[in-house]
Amino acid sequence: MVSEGVDIPRFRIGVYATNVLTEMYFRQVVGRFVRMQESLPTPQRAWLYLPKDATLVHYAKQIKAERDHVLEEVMPSVQRTLFGTAATSLKEYVPLRGVARMDALIGEEEAESGGEGNGIEGQAVPLHDRKHELRAQHRNLVGAVARRAGVDHRRLNAELIKRTGGRVDHATVVQLTRRIALLEKWRDSGFDNG
């Protein structure tokens, strides 16, 4: 909704929810949110949420590298530490109080509500990757059931939608798991369309 020509200096939080993937457009959008204003106290922070698209992540990392390079030249090391760039010496900056915690990286999401795990012990798998794995397993099972039962893919998918409440491309992890369990049952015991 923030198109060319829009200038609202107080923007601090944004969501990149467009299908435009050009670097110039991405940089323009980022520039609308990460401005410094002399009238506001420092440090000034801004957040831009973007999908886990390889092109967008690459652009974001490029911008961060450019920012870090400039910060190294113009800011004292104490300020660079506040902005996420390492100080040159441990003696230069000593926090008075600090709490360490792990934040999610660009594109990573927590497991969906309900407290379910991601299926891999000890490793955090981004939700996007987990759904991709489940959809691939689902696709293979649909093919296996269709061949074994002699049923058209469309008919299988229609029955799955009826029983699990949604299309595979919009399904949650829980719905995908339910669909896979049903497909495994049909593969082993035969298709049941009742």
N, C-alpha and C. Protein backbone atom coordinates (compact mmCIF):
# COMPACT_ATOMS: atom_id res chain seq x y z
N MET A 1 0.82 -1.19 0.00
CA MET A 1 0.00 0.00 0.00
C MET A 1 0.86 1.26 0.00
N VAL A 2 2.16 1.10 0.24
CA VAL A 2 3.06 2.24 0.23
C VAL A 2 3.69 2.31 -1.16
N SER A 3 3.13 3.15 -2.01
CA SER A 3 3.61 3.20 -3.39
C SER A 3 4.60 4.35 -3.58
N GLU A 4 5.06 4.52 -4.81
CA GLU A 4 6.00 5.59 -5.12
C GLU A 4 5.41 6.94 -4.75
N GLY A 5 6.26 7.82 -4.26
CA GLY A 5 5.83 9.17 -3.92
C GLY A 5 5.31 9.31 -2.51
N VAL A 6 5.10 8.20 -1.80
CA VAL A 6 4.62 8.28 -0.42
C VAL A 6 5.79 8.64 0.48
N ASP A 7 5.61 9.63 1.34
CA ASP A 7 6.66 10.05 2.26
C ASP A 7 6.04 10.27 3.64
N ILE A 8 6.10 9.24 4.46
CA ILE A 8 5.57 9.33 5.83
C ILE A 8 6.75 8.98 6.75
N PRO A 9 7.46 9.98 7.24
CA PRO A 9 8.69 9.74 8.01
C PRO A 9 8.52 8.88 9.26
N ARG A 10 7.33 8.85 9.84
CA ARG A 10 7.16 8.10 11.09
C ARG A 10 7.02 6.59 10.88
N PHE A 11 7.01 6.10 9.65
CA PHE A 11 6.94 4.66 9.42
C PHE A 11 8.10 3.97 10.11
N ARG A 12 7.82 2.97 10.93
CA ARG A 12 8.86 2.20 11.60
C ARG A 12 8.65 0.70 11.46
N ILE A 13 7.44 0.26 11.12
CA ILE A 13 7.15 -1.17 10.99
C ILE A 13 6.42 -1.37 9.68
N GLY A 14 6.90 -2.36 8.90
CA GLY A 14 6.26 -2.63 7.62
C GLY A 14 6.27 -4.11 7.29
N VAL A 15 5.41 -4.49 6.35
CA VAL A 15 5.35 -5.86 5.86
C VAL A 15 5.50 -5.80 4.35
N TYR A 16 6.49 -6.52 3.84
CA TYR A 16 6.71 -6.57 2.39
C TYR A 16 5.76 -7.62 1.82
N ALA A 17 4.57 -7.18 1.41
CA ALA A 17 3.52 -8.10 0.97
C ALA A 17 3.16 -7.82 -0.49
N THR A 18 4.17 -7.86 -1.33
CA THR A 18 3.96 -7.65 -2.76
C THR A 18 4.73 -8.73 -3.51
N ASN A 19 4.37 -8.94 -4.76
CA ASN A 19 5.09 -9.94 -5.54
C ASN A 19 6.21 -9.31 -6.38
N VAL A 20 6.49 -8.04 -6.18
CA VAL A 20 7.57 -7.36 -6.90
C VAL A 20 8.90 -7.77 -6.28
N LEU A 21 9.81 -8.31 -7.10
CA LEU A 21 11.07 -8.83 -6.59
C LEU A 21 12.29 -8.09 -7.16
N THR A 22 12.10 -6.90 -7.70
CA THR A 22 13.26 -6.18 -8.23
C THR A 22 14.03 -5.53 -7.09
N GLU A 23 15.35 -5.44 -7.28
CA GLU A 23 16.18 -4.88 -6.22
C GLU A 23 15.87 -3.41 -5.98
N MET A 24 15.64 -2.64 -7.04
CA MET A 24 15.37 -1.22 -6.86
C MET A 24 14.09 -1.01 -6.05
N TYR A 25 13.03 -1.76 -6.37
CA TYR A 25 11.78 -1.61 -5.63
C TYR A 25 11.98 -2.00 -4.17
N PHE A 26 12.71 -3.10 -3.94
CA PHE A 26 12.96 -3.55 -2.58
C PHE A 26 13.71 -2.47 -1.78
N ARG A 27 14.74 -1.88 -2.39
CA ARG A 27 15.51 -0.83 -1.71
C ARG A 27 14.64 0.39 -1.43
N GLN A 28 13.73 0.72 -2.35
CA GLN A 28 12.84 1.86 -2.12
C GLN A 28 11.93 1.60 -0.92
N VAL A 29 11.41 0.40 -0.83
CA VAL A 29 10.53 0.05 0.29
C VAL A 29 11.31 0.08 1.60
N VAL A 30 12.50 -0.51 1.60
CA VAL A 30 13.33 -0.51 2.81
C VAL A 30 13.63 0.93 3.23
N GLY A 31 13.93 1.78 2.26
CA GLY A 31 14.25 3.17 2.56
C GLY A 31 13.12 3.95 3.20
N ARG A 32 11.89 3.52 2.98
CA ARG A 32 10.74 4.20 3.59
C ARG A 32 10.64 3.93 5.09
N PHE A 33 11.29 2.87 5.55
CA PHE A 33 11.15 2.47 6.95
C PHE A 33 12.41 2.70 7.78
N VAL A 34 13.57 2.71 7.18
CA VAL A 34 14.81 2.76 7.96
C VAL A 34 15.48 4.13 7.89
N ARG A 35 14.73 5.17 8.13
CA ARG A 35 15.27 6.53 8.11
C ARG A 35 15.65 6.97 9.51
N MET A 36 16.62 7.85 9.57
CA MET A 36 16.98 8.47 10.83
C MET A 36 16.33 9.85 10.86
N GLN A 37 15.73 10.20 11.98
CA GLN A 37 15.11 11.51 12.14
C GLN A 37 15.81 12.25 13.27
N GLU A 38 16.23 13.46 12.98
CA GLU A 38 16.96 14.24 13.98
C GLU A 38 16.10 14.57 15.19
N SER A 39 14.80 14.68 15.01
CA SER A 39 13.91 15.08 16.11
C SER A 39 13.64 13.94 17.10
N LEU A 40 14.04 12.72 16.76
CA LEU A 40 13.78 11.57 17.64
C LEU A 40 15.06 11.14 18.34
N PRO A 41 14.93 10.59 19.56
CA PRO A 41 16.12 10.12 20.28
C PRO A 41 16.73 8.89 19.58
N THR A 42 18.00 8.64 19.83
CA THR A 42 18.66 7.48 19.25
C THR A 42 18.83 6.43 20.33
N PRO A 43 19.00 5.16 20.06
CA PRO A 43 18.98 4.62 18.71
C PRO A 43 17.54 4.51 18.19
N GLN A 44 17.40 4.71 16.90
CA GLN A 44 16.09 4.58 16.25
C GLN A 44 16.05 3.23 15.55
N ARG A 45 14.99 2.52 15.73
CA ARG A 45 14.87 1.17 15.15
C ARG A 45 13.68 1.12 14.20
N ALA A 46 13.79 0.22 13.23
CA ALA A 46 12.69 0.00 12.29
C ALA A 46 12.67 -1.49 11.96
N TRP A 47 11.49 -2.01 11.62
CA TRP A 47 11.33 -3.42 11.28
C TRP A 47 10.59 -3.53 9.97
N LEU A 48 11.09 -4.39 9.09
CA LEU A 48 10.41 -4.69 7.84
C LEU A 48 10.33 -6.21 7.73
N TYR A 49 9.13 -6.74 7.82
CA TYR A 49 8.91 -8.18 7.73
C TYR A 49 8.76 -8.55 6.27
N LEU A 50 9.47 -9.62 5.85
CA LEU A 50 9.37 -10.05 4.47
C LEU A 50 9.30 -11.56 4.40
N PRO A 51 8.72 -12.07 3.31
CA PRO A 51 8.62 -13.53 3.18
C PRO A 51 9.99 -14.17 2.98
N LYS A 52 10.06 -15.46 3.23
CA LYS A 52 11.33 -16.17 3.08
C LYS A 52 11.53 -16.51 1.60
N ASP A 53 11.80 -15.47 0.84
CA ASP A 53 12.10 -15.62 -0.58
C ASP A 53 13.60 -15.42 -0.74
N ALA A 54 14.28 -16.32 -1.45
CA ALA A 54 15.74 -16.26 -1.56
C ALA A 54 16.21 -14.92 -2.13
N THR A 55 15.49 -14.38 -3.09
CA THR A 55 15.88 -13.11 -3.71
C THR A 55 15.79 -11.98 -2.70
N LEU A 56 14.68 -11.91 -1.96
CA LEU A 56 14.50 -10.84 -0.98
C LEU A 56 15.50 -10.96 0.17
N VAL A 57 15.76 -12.18 0.61
CA VAL A 57 16.73 -12.39 1.69
C VAL A 57 18.12 -11.95 1.22
N HIS A 58 18.45 -12.25 -0.03
CA HIS A 58 19.73 -11.82 -0.60
C HIS A 58 19.84 -10.29 -0.60
N TYR A 59 18.79 -9.62 -1.06
CA TYR A 59 18.79 -8.15 -1.05
C TYR A 59 18.95 -7.60 0.36
N ALA A 60 18.25 -8.19 1.32
CA ALA A 60 18.32 -7.72 2.71
C ALA A 60 19.73 -7.89 3.26
N LYS A 61 20.37 -9.02 2.97
CA LYS A 61 21.73 -9.24 3.45
C LYS A 61 22.70 -8.26 2.79
N GLN A 62 22.48 -7.96 1.52
CA GLN A 62 23.31 -6.97 0.82
C GLN A 62 23.21 -5.61 1.49
N ILE A 63 22.00 -5.19 1.79
CA ILE A 63 21.78 -3.89 2.42
C ILE A 63 22.44 -3.87 3.80
N LYS A 64 22.32 -4.97 4.56
CA LYS A 64 22.95 -5.03 5.88
C LYS A 64 24.46 -4.92 5.76
N ALA A 65 25.07 -5.61 4.79
CA ALA A 65 26.52 -5.54 4.61
C ALA A 65 26.95 -4.12 4.26
N GLU A 66 26.19 -3.45 3.42
CA GLU A 66 26.50 -2.07 3.06
C GLU A 66 26.37 -1.16 4.28
N ARG A 67 25.32 -1.37 5.07
CA ARG A 67 25.12 -0.57 6.27
C ARG A 67 26.28 -0.76 7.25
N ASP A 68 26.68 -2.02 7.46
CA ASP A 68 27.77 -2.30 8.39
C ASP A 68 29.07 -1.64 7.93
N HIS A 69 29.30 -1.65 6.64
CA HIS A 69 30.52 -1.04 6.10
C HIS A 69 30.54 0.47 6.39
N VAL A 70 29.42 1.12 6.19
CA VAL A 70 29.33 2.56 6.46
C VAL A 70 29.45 2.84 7.96
N LEU A 71 28.78 2.02 8.77
CA LEU A 71 28.83 2.22 10.22
C LEU A 71 30.25 2.10 10.76
N GLU A 72 31.04 1.19 10.19
CA GLU A 72 32.42 1.02 10.65
C GLU A 72 33.24 2.29 10.45
N GLU A 73 32.91 3.05 9.41
CA GLU A 73 33.68 4.25 9.10
C GLU A 73 33.20 5.48 9.87
N VAL A 74 31.90 5.58 10.17
CA VAL A 74 31.39 6.82 10.72
C VAL A 74 31.00 6.78 12.19
N MET A 75 30.88 5.59 12.78
CA MET A 75 30.41 5.52 14.16
C MET A 75 31.49 4.99 15.08
N PRO A 76 31.53 5.50 16.29
CA PRO A 76 32.42 4.91 17.29
C PRO A 76 32.00 3.47 17.56
N SER A 77 32.94 2.67 18.05
CA SER A 77 32.66 1.24 18.22
C SER A 77 31.52 0.98 19.20
N VAL A 78 31.31 1.84 20.22
CA VAL A 78 30.21 1.62 21.16
C VAL A 78 28.89 1.69 20.44
N GLN A 79 28.72 2.66 19.56
CA GLN A 79 27.47 2.77 18.81
C GLN A 79 27.32 1.61 17.83
N ARG A 80 28.42 1.19 17.21
CA ARG A 80 28.33 0.06 16.28
C ARG A 80 27.83 -1.19 17.01
N THR A 81 28.25 -1.38 18.25
CA THR A 81 27.79 -2.53 19.02
C THR A 81 26.29 -2.47 19.22
N LEU A 82 25.76 -1.27 19.49
CA LEU A 82 24.32 -1.13 19.67
C LEU A 82 23.56 -1.46 18.40
N PHE A 83 24.19 -1.27 17.24
CA PHE A 83 23.53 -1.56 15.98
C PHE A 83 23.85 -2.94 15.44
N GLY A 84 24.47 -3.80 16.23
CA GLY A 84 24.67 -5.18 15.83
C GLY A 84 25.99 -5.45 15.14
N THR A 85 26.92 -4.51 15.10
CA THR A 85 28.22 -4.73 14.52
C THR A 85 29.22 -4.86 15.66
N ALA A 86 30.10 -5.82 15.58
CA ALA A 86 30.99 -6.11 16.70
C ALA A 86 31.93 -4.95 17.00
N ALA A 87 32.19 -4.74 18.28
CA ALA A 87 33.15 -3.73 18.70
C ALA A 87 34.56 -4.24 18.45
N THR A 88 35.53 -3.33 18.35
CA THR A 88 36.89 -3.74 18.05
C THR A 88 37.59 -4.33 19.27
N SER A 89 37.13 -4.01 20.46
CA SER A 89 37.75 -4.53 21.67
C SER A 89 36.68 -4.74 22.73
N LEU A 90 36.85 -5.77 23.54
CA LEU A 90 35.88 -6.05 24.59
C LEU A 90 35.91 -4.98 25.67
N LYS A 91 37.02 -4.26 25.81
CA LYS A 91 37.14 -3.24 26.84
C LYS A 91 36.38 -1.96 26.47
N GLU A 92 36.03 -1.79 25.20
CA GLU A 92 35.39 -0.56 24.77
C GLU A 92 33.92 -0.46 25.20
N TYR A 93 33.27 -1.60 25.38
CA TYR A 93 31.84 -1.57 25.69
C TYR A 93 31.53 -2.63 26.74
N VAL A 94 31.02 -2.20 27.86
CA VAL A 94 30.62 -3.12 28.91
C VAL A 94 29.17 -2.81 29.25
N PRO A 95 28.25 -3.74 28.98
CA PRO A 95 26.84 -3.46 29.29
C PRO A 95 26.62 -3.42 30.80
N LEU A 96 25.76 -2.52 31.22
CA LEU A 96 25.42 -2.42 32.63
C LEU A 96 24.50 -3.56 33.03
N ARG A 97 23.66 -3.97 32.13
CA ARG A 97 22.72 -5.05 32.38
C ARG A 97 22.35 -5.64 31.03
N GLY A 98 22.27 -6.95 30.95
CA GLY A 98 21.92 -7.55 29.68
C GLY A 98 21.26 -8.88 29.86
N VAL A 99 20.39 -9.22 28.92
CA VAL A 99 19.70 -10.51 28.92
C VAL A 99 19.87 -11.09 27.52
N ALA A 100 20.38 -12.30 27.43
CA ALA A 100 20.58 -12.94 26.13
C ALA A 100 19.37 -13.80 25.81
N ARG A 101 18.91 -13.71 24.58
CA ARG A 101 17.83 -14.58 24.12
C ARG A 101 17.98 -14.78 22.63
N MET A 102 17.46 -15.88 22.13
CA MET A 102 17.54 -16.20 20.71
C MET A 102 16.30 -15.66 20.01
N ASP A 103 16.50 -14.84 19.00
CA ASP A 103 15.40 -14.36 18.17
C ASP A 103 15.39 -15.15 16.88
N ALA A 104 14.25 -15.14 16.20
CA ALA A 104 14.13 -15.83 14.93
C ALA A 104 14.86 -15.02 13.86
N LEU A 105 15.40 -15.72 12.88
CA LEU A 105 16.07 -15.08 11.76
C LEU A 105 15.06 -14.77 10.67
N ILE A 106 15.50 -14.06 9.65
CA ILE A 106 14.62 -13.70 8.54
C ILE A 106 13.98 -14.95 8.00
N GLY A 107 12.64 -14.96 7.97
CA GLY A 107 11.92 -16.07 7.37
C GLY A 107 11.61 -17.23 8.27
N GLU A 108 12.21 -17.32 9.43
CA GLU A 108 11.90 -18.43 10.31
C GLU A 108 10.64 -18.14 11.08
N GLU A 109 9.84 -19.18 11.31
CA GLU A 109 8.60 -19.02 12.05
C GLU A 109 8.55 -20.06 13.14
N GLU A 110 7.84 -19.76 14.17
CA GLU A 110 7.64 -20.73 15.25
C GLU A 110 6.69 -21.82 14.75
N ALA A 111 6.69 -22.94 15.43
CA ALA A 111 5.73 -23.98 15.09
C ALA A 111 4.33 -23.43 15.25
N GLU A 112 3.41 -23.96 14.48
CA GLU A 112 2.04 -23.43 14.54
C GLU A 112 1.43 -23.66 15.91
N SER A 113 0.38 -22.93 16.19
CA SER A 113 -0.25 -23.02 17.51
C SER A 113 -0.65 -24.45 17.82
N GLY A 114 -0.67 -24.76 19.09
CA GLY A 114 -1.00 -26.12 19.50
C GLY A 114 0.21 -26.82 20.08
N GLY A 115 1.39 -26.19 20.00
CA GLY A 115 2.57 -26.75 20.61
C GLY A 115 3.14 -27.96 19.92
N GLU A 116 2.77 -28.19 18.67
CA GLU A 116 3.28 -29.38 18.01
C GLU A 116 4.73 -29.18 17.64
N GLY A 117 5.47 -30.26 17.61
CA GLY A 117 6.87 -30.20 17.23
C GLY A 117 7.01 -30.16 15.73
N ASN A 118 8.25 -30.05 15.29
CA ASN A 118 8.48 -30.00 13.86
C ASN A 118 8.95 -31.33 13.32
N GLY A 119 9.01 -32.36 14.18
CA GLY A 119 9.34 -33.68 13.70
C GLY A 119 10.82 -33.99 13.70
N ILE A 120 11.68 -33.04 13.98
CA ILE A 120 13.11 -33.28 14.00
C ILE A 120 13.62 -32.89 15.38
N GLU A 121 14.18 -33.86 16.08
CA GLU A 121 14.60 -33.61 17.45
C GLU A 121 15.82 -32.71 17.47
N GLY A 122 15.78 -31.68 18.32
CA GLY A 122 16.94 -30.84 18.55
C GLY A 122 17.23 -29.82 17.47
N GLN A 123 16.47 -29.81 16.37
CA GLN A 123 16.71 -28.85 15.31
C GLN A 123 15.43 -28.09 15.01
N ALA A 124 15.58 -26.79 14.80
CA ALA A 124 14.43 -25.97 14.44
C ALA A 124 14.35 -25.93 12.92
N VAL A 125 13.25 -26.43 12.38
CA VAL A 125 13.03 -26.40 10.93
C VAL A 125 12.03 -25.30 10.66
N PRO A 126 12.38 -24.37 9.77
CA PRO A 126 11.42 -23.31 9.44
C PRO A 126 10.11 -23.91 8.96
N LEU A 127 9.01 -23.27 9.32
CA LEU A 127 7.68 -23.76 8.98
C LEU A 127 7.52 -23.96 7.48
N HIS A 128 8.04 -23.04 6.70
CA HIS A 128 7.95 -23.14 5.24
C HIS A 128 8.58 -24.45 4.75
N ASP A 129 9.78 -24.80 5.28
CA ASP A 129 10.45 -26.02 4.87
C ASP A 129 9.69 -27.26 5.32
N ARG A 130 9.13 -27.21 6.53
CA ARG A 130 8.36 -28.35 7.04
C ARG A 130 7.14 -28.61 6.16
N LYS A 131 6.43 -27.52 5.81
CA LYS A 131 5.25 -27.69 4.94
C LYS A 131 5.66 -28.20 3.57
N HIS A 132 6.79 -27.74 3.06
CA HIS A 132 7.28 -28.21 1.75
C HIS A 132 7.53 -29.71 1.78
N GLU A 133 8.17 -30.20 2.86
CA GLU A 133 8.41 -31.64 3.02
C GLU A 133 7.10 -32.42 3.08
N LEU A 134 6.16 -31.92 3.88
CA LEU A 134 4.87 -32.61 4.02
C LEU A 134 4.10 -32.63 2.70
N ARG A 135 4.14 -31.53 1.94
CA ARG A 135 3.45 -31.49 0.66
C ARG A 135 4.06 -32.47 -0.34
N ALA A 136 5.40 -32.61 -0.32
CA ALA A 136 6.06 -33.57 -1.20
C ALA A 136 5.65 -34.99 -0.83
N GLN A 137 5.61 -35.30 0.46
CA GLN A 137 5.16 -36.62 0.91
C GLN A 137 3.71 -36.85 0.50
N HIS A 138 2.88 -35.82 0.66
CA HIS A 138 1.46 -35.89 0.29
C HIS A 138 1.31 -36.19 -1.20
N ARG A 139 2.07 -35.48 -2.04
CA ARG A 139 2.00 -35.66 -3.49
C ARG A 139 2.35 -37.10 -3.88
N ASN A 140 3.40 -37.64 -3.26
CA ASN A 140 3.80 -39.03 -3.55
C ASN A 140 2.72 -40.02 -3.14
N LEU A 141 2.11 -39.78 -1.99
CA LEU A 141 1.05 -40.68 -1.51
C LEU A 141 -0.19 -40.61 -2.39
N VAL A 142 -0.55 -39.41 -2.84
CA VAL A 142 -1.71 -39.28 -3.74
C VAL A 142 -1.47 -40.10 -5.01
N GLY A 143 -0.25 -40.00 -5.56
CA GLY A 143 0.08 -40.79 -6.74
C GLY A 143 -0.01 -42.29 -6.48
N ALA A 144 0.51 -42.73 -5.33
CA ALA A 144 0.50 -44.16 -4.99
C ALA A 144 -0.93 -44.67 -4.81
N VAL A 145 -1.76 -43.91 -4.10
CA VAL A 145 -3.15 -44.32 -3.87
C VAL A 145 -3.92 -44.32 -5.18
N ALA A 146 -3.72 -43.31 -6.00
CA ALA A 146 -4.43 -43.22 -7.28
C ALA A 146 -4.09 -44.41 -8.17
N ARG A 147 -2.81 -44.79 -8.22
CA ARG A 147 -2.41 -45.95 -9.05
C ARG A 147 -2.99 -47.24 -8.48
N ARG A 148 -2.87 -47.42 -7.19
CA ARG A 148 -3.31 -48.68 -6.57
C ARG A 148 -4.82 -48.86 -6.64
N ALA A 149 -5.58 -47.78 -6.40
CA ALA A 149 -7.03 -47.88 -6.35
C ALA A 149 -7.69 -47.58 -7.70
N GLY A 150 -6.89 -47.09 -8.67
CA GLY A 150 -7.46 -46.73 -9.96
C GLY A 150 -8.41 -45.54 -9.87
N VAL A 151 -8.09 -44.59 -8.99
CA VAL A 151 -8.94 -43.42 -8.75
C VAL A 151 -8.23 -42.18 -9.30
N ASP A 152 -9.01 -41.29 -9.87
CA ASP A 152 -8.48 -40.05 -10.41
C ASP A 152 -7.97 -39.15 -9.27
N HIS A 153 -6.88 -38.42 -9.54
CA HIS A 153 -6.29 -37.51 -8.54
C HIS A 153 -7.32 -36.48 -8.05
N ARG A 154 -8.11 -35.96 -8.97
CA ARG A 154 -9.10 -34.94 -8.57
C ARG A 154 -10.10 -35.50 -7.58
N ARG A 155 -10.52 -36.73 -7.81
CA ARG A 155 -11.48 -37.35 -6.88
C ARG A 155 -10.85 -37.56 -5.50
N LEU A 156 -9.58 -38.01 -5.49
CA LEU A 156 -8.87 -38.18 -4.21
C LEU A 156 -8.75 -36.85 -3.47
N ASN A 157 -8.34 -35.82 -4.19
CA ASN A 157 -8.18 -34.51 -3.56
C ASN A 157 -9.50 -33.95 -3.07
N ALA A 158 -10.57 -34.17 -3.82
CA ALA A 158 -11.88 -33.70 -3.38
C ALA A 158 -12.28 -34.39 -2.08
N GLU A 159 -12.02 -35.67 -1.98
CA GLU A 159 -12.35 -36.42 -0.76
C GLU A 159 -11.48 -35.94 0.41
N LEU A 160 -10.21 -35.67 0.14
CA LEU A 160 -9.32 -35.17 1.19
C LEU A 160 -9.76 -33.79 1.69
N ILE A 161 -10.18 -32.93 0.77
CA ILE A 161 -10.67 -31.60 1.15
C ILE A 161 -11.91 -31.74 2.03
N LYS A 162 -12.81 -32.64 1.63
CA LYS A 162 -14.04 -32.85 2.39
C LYS A 162 -13.74 -33.33 3.81
N ARG A 163 -12.75 -34.20 3.95
CA ARG A 163 -12.47 -34.79 5.26
C ARG A 163 -11.53 -33.96 6.13
N THR A 164 -10.67 -33.17 5.53
CA THR A 164 -9.68 -32.43 6.34
C THR A 164 -9.89 -30.92 6.33
N GLY A 165 -10.78 -30.44 5.50
CA GLY A 165 -11.16 -29.03 5.58
C GLY A 165 -10.30 -28.04 4.85
N GLY A 166 -9.60 -28.42 3.83
CA GLY A 166 -8.85 -27.42 3.09
C GLY A 166 -7.99 -27.99 2.00
N ARG A 167 -7.63 -27.12 1.07
CA ARG A 167 -6.74 -27.51 -0.03
C ARG A 167 -5.33 -27.69 0.49
N VAL A 168 -4.55 -28.49 -0.20
CA VAL A 168 -3.20 -28.80 0.26
C VAL A 168 -2.30 -27.57 0.26
N ASP A 169 -2.49 -26.65 -0.68
CA ASP A 169 -1.62 -25.47 -0.73
C ASP A 169 -1.93 -24.46 0.38
N HIS A 170 -3.07 -24.59 1.05
CA HIS A 170 -3.42 -23.69 2.16
C HIS A 170 -3.46 -24.43 3.49
N ALA A 171 -3.12 -25.70 3.49
CA ALA A 171 -3.25 -26.53 4.69
C ALA A 171 -2.19 -26.19 5.73
N THR A 172 -2.58 -26.31 6.99
CA THR A 172 -1.64 -26.15 8.10
C THR A 172 -0.86 -27.45 8.26
N VAL A 173 0.14 -27.45 9.13
CA VAL A 173 0.90 -28.66 9.40
C VAL A 173 -0.02 -29.76 9.94
N VAL A 174 -0.93 -29.38 10.81
CA VAL A 174 -1.87 -30.35 11.38
C VAL A 174 -2.74 -30.96 10.27
N GLN A 175 -3.27 -30.13 9.39
CA GLN A 175 -4.11 -30.64 8.29
C GLN A 175 -3.29 -31.52 7.35
N LEU A 176 -2.07 -31.12 7.04
CA LEU A 176 -1.22 -31.94 6.16
C LEU A 176 -0.93 -33.29 6.79
N THR A 177 -0.66 -33.29 8.09
CA THR A 177 -0.39 -34.55 8.79
C THR A 177 -1.62 -35.45 8.77
N ARG A 178 -2.79 -34.85 8.97
CA ARG A 178 -4.05 -35.61 8.93
C ARG A 178 -4.27 -36.21 7.52
N ARG A 179 -4.02 -35.40 6.49
CA ARG A 179 -4.19 -35.87 5.11
C ARG A 179 -3.23 -37.02 4.82
N ILE A 180 -1.98 -36.90 5.28
CA ILE A 180 -0.98 -37.95 5.03
C ILE A 180 -1.38 -39.24 5.73
N ALA A 181 -1.87 -39.13 6.96
CA ALA A 181 -2.31 -40.34 7.69
C ALA A 181 -3.46 -41.03 6.94
N LEU A 182 -4.40 -40.24 6.43
CA LEU A 182 -5.52 -40.80 5.68
C LEU A 182 -5.04 -41.46 4.39
N LEU A 183 -4.12 -40.81 3.69
CA LEU A 183 -3.57 -41.38 2.45
C LEU A 183 -2.80 -42.68 2.73
N GLU A 184 -2.04 -42.72 3.83
CA GLU A 184 -1.32 -43.95 4.18
C GLU A 184 -2.30 -45.08 4.48
N LYS A 185 -3.40 -44.76 5.13
CA LYS A 185 -4.43 -45.76 5.41
C LYS A 185 -5.02 -46.28 4.10
N TRP A 186 -5.33 -45.37 3.17
CA TRP A 186 -5.88 -45.78 1.88
C TRP A 186 -4.86 -46.59 1.07
N ARG A 187 -3.59 -46.22 1.17
CA ARG A 187 -2.57 -46.96 0.45
C ARG A 187 -2.46 -48.40 0.96
N ASP A 188 -2.56 -48.55 2.30
CA ASP A 188 -2.40 -49.87 2.90
C ASP A 188 -3.67 -50.70 2.90
N SER A 189 -4.86 -50.05 3.05
CA SER A 189 -6.11 -50.79 3.20
C SER A 189 -7.08 -50.60 2.05
N GLY A 190 -6.78 -49.76 1.10
CA GLY A 190 -7.68 -49.50 -0.01
C GLY A 190 -8.45 -48.21 0.19
N PHE A 191 -8.81 -47.60 -0.94
CA PHE A 191 -9.51 -46.31 -0.93
C PHE A 191 -10.93 -46.46 -0.39
N ASP A 192 -11.27 -45.56 0.53
CA ASP A 192 -12.60 -45.55 1.15
C ASP A 192 -13.21 -44.17 0.90
N ASN A 193 -14.13 -44.07 -0.03
CA ASN A 193 -14.71 -42.75 -0.33
C ASN A 193 -16.02 -42.51 0.39
N GLY A 194 -16.29 -43.24 1.44
CA GLY A 194 -17.54 -43.09 2.17
C GLY A 194 -17.35 -42.29 3.37
